[in-house]
C-alpha atoms as a PDB file:
ATOM      1  CA  MET A   1      20.092  14.953  25.374  1.00  0.00           C
ATOM      2  CA  ALA A   2      18.846  11.425  24.418  1.00  0.00           C
ATOM      3  CA  LYS A   3      15.346  11.900  25.810  1.00  0.00           C
ATOM      4  CA  GLY A   4      14.878  15.107  23.593  1.00  0.00           C
ATOM      5  CA  ALA A   5      15.915  12.835  20.426  1.00  0.00           C
ATOM      6  CA  SER A   6      13.969   9.922  21.269  1.00  0.00           C
ATOM      7  CA  LYS A   7      10.890  12.378  21.454  1.00  0.00           C
ATOM      8  CA  ASN A   8      11.515  14.062  18.289  1.00  0.00           C
ATOM      9  CA  ALA A   9      12.007  10.539  16.802  1.00  0.00           C
ATOM     10  CA  LYS A  10       8.612   9.352  18.079  1.00  0.00           C
ATOM     11  CA  VAL A  11       6.993  12.607  16.728  1.00  0.00           C
ATOM     12  CA  LYS A  12       8.377  11.633  13.086  1.00  0.00           C
ATOM     13  CA  ASP A  13       7.289   8.081  13.659  1.00  0.00           C
ATOM     14  CA  ALA A  14       3.648   8.911  14.500  1.00  0.00           C
ATOM     15  CA  LYS A  15       3.272  11.125  11.303  1.00  0.00           C
ATOM     16  CA  ALA A  16       4.815   8.388   9.109  1.00  0.00           C
ATOM     17  CA  ALA A  17       2.243   5.822  10.569  1.00  0.00           C
ATOM     18  CA  ALA A  18      -0.496   8.139   9.851  1.00  0.00           C
ATOM     19  CA  GLU A  19       0.557   8.719   6.405  1.00  0.00           C
ATOM     20  CA  SER A  20       1.271   5.044   5.505  1.00  0.00           C
ATOM     21  CA  LYS A  21      -2.326   3.943   6.759  1.00  0.00           C
ATOM     22  CA  VAL A  22      -3.935   5.655   3.741  1.00  0.00           C
ATOM     23  CA  TRP A  23      -2.103   2.965   1.244  1.00  0.00           C
ATOM     24  CA  THR A  24      -3.443  -0.490   0.587  1.00  0.00           C
ATOM     25  CA  LYS A  25      -1.531  -3.367  -0.986  1.00  0.00           C
ATOM     26  CA  VAL A  26      -3.888  -4.868  -3.654  1.00  0.00           C
ATOM     27  CA  ILE A  27      -2.991  -8.155  -5.019  1.00  0.00           C
ATOM     28  CA  LYS A  28      -5.087  -8.848  -8.376  1.00  0.00           C
ATOM     29  CA  ALA A  29      -5.222 -12.377 -10.028  1.00  0.00           C
ATOM     30  CA  VAL A  30      -5.103 -11.821 -13.957  1.00  0.00           C
ATOM     31  CA  ARG A  31      -5.784 -15.126 -16.378  1.00  0.00           C
ATOM     32  CA  SER A  32      -3.723 -15.130 -19.228  1.00  0.00           C
ATOM     33  CA  PRO A  33      -5.593 -15.467 -22.433  1.00  0.00           C
ATOM     34  CA  LYS A  34      -2.847 -17.422 -24.287  1.00  0.00           C
ATOM     35  CA  THR A  35      -2.328 -20.191 -21.557  1.00  0.00           C
ATOM     36  CA  GLY A  36      -5.205 -19.739 -19.171  1.00  0.00           C
ATOM     37  CA  ALA A  37      -2.719 -19.772 -16.144  1.00  0.00           C
ATOM     38  CA  TYR A  38      -3.125 -17.155 -13.135  1.00  0.00           C
ATOM     39  CA  THR A  39      -0.512 -14.538 -12.384  1.00  0.00           C
ATOM     40  CA  PHE A  40      -0.588 -11.978  -9.816  1.00  0.00           C
ATOM     41  CA  LYS A  41      -0.245  -8.079  -9.905  1.00  0.00           C
ATOM     42  CA  GLU A  42       0.563  -6.380  -6.723  1.00  0.00           C
ATOM     43  CA  ALA A  43       0.455  -2.676  -6.259  1.00  0.00           C
ATOM     44  CA  ILE A  44       0.445  -0.345  -3.779  1.00  0.00           C
ATOM     45  CA  VAL A  45      -2.743   1.987  -4.004  1.00  0.00           C
ATOM     46  CA  HIS A  46      -4.337   5.142  -2.255  1.00  0.00           C
ATOM     47  CA  LYS A  47      -7.445   3.636  -0.235  1.00  0.00           C
ATOM     48  CA  ASP A  48      -9.773   5.849  -1.948  1.00  0.00           C
ATOM     49  CA  LYS A  49      -8.663   4.215  -5.404  1.00  0.00           C
ATOM     50  CA  VAL A  50      -8.954   0.450  -4.174  1.00  0.00           C
ATOM     51  CA  GLN A  51     -12.214   0.016  -6.418  1.00  0.00           C
ATOM     52  CA  GLU A  52     -11.038   1.681  -9.433  1.00  0.00           C
ATOM     53  CA  HIS A  53      -7.729  -0.348  -9.515  1.00  0.00           C
ATOM     54  CA  ILE A  54      -9.568  -3.538  -9.143  1.00  0.00           C
ATOM     55  CA  ASN A  55     -12.163  -2.898 -11.678  1.00  0.00           C
ATOM     56  CA  ALA A  56      -9.654  -1.755 -14.284  1.00  0.00           C
ATOM     57  CA  LYS A  57      -8.925  -4.016 -16.849  1.00  0.00           C
END
């Protein structure tokens, strides 16, 4: 019984791992116009949209 359950868990984990590989964490430094200090904005973005996110103001 336990072997069947662990086999199904491995299949679910493989699917989740494959799906998670298409997402990327983007950290962007943003400068405040008022103080000049930098803050960091984090976002989870699809790997096809990374450049669009970085270039967006």
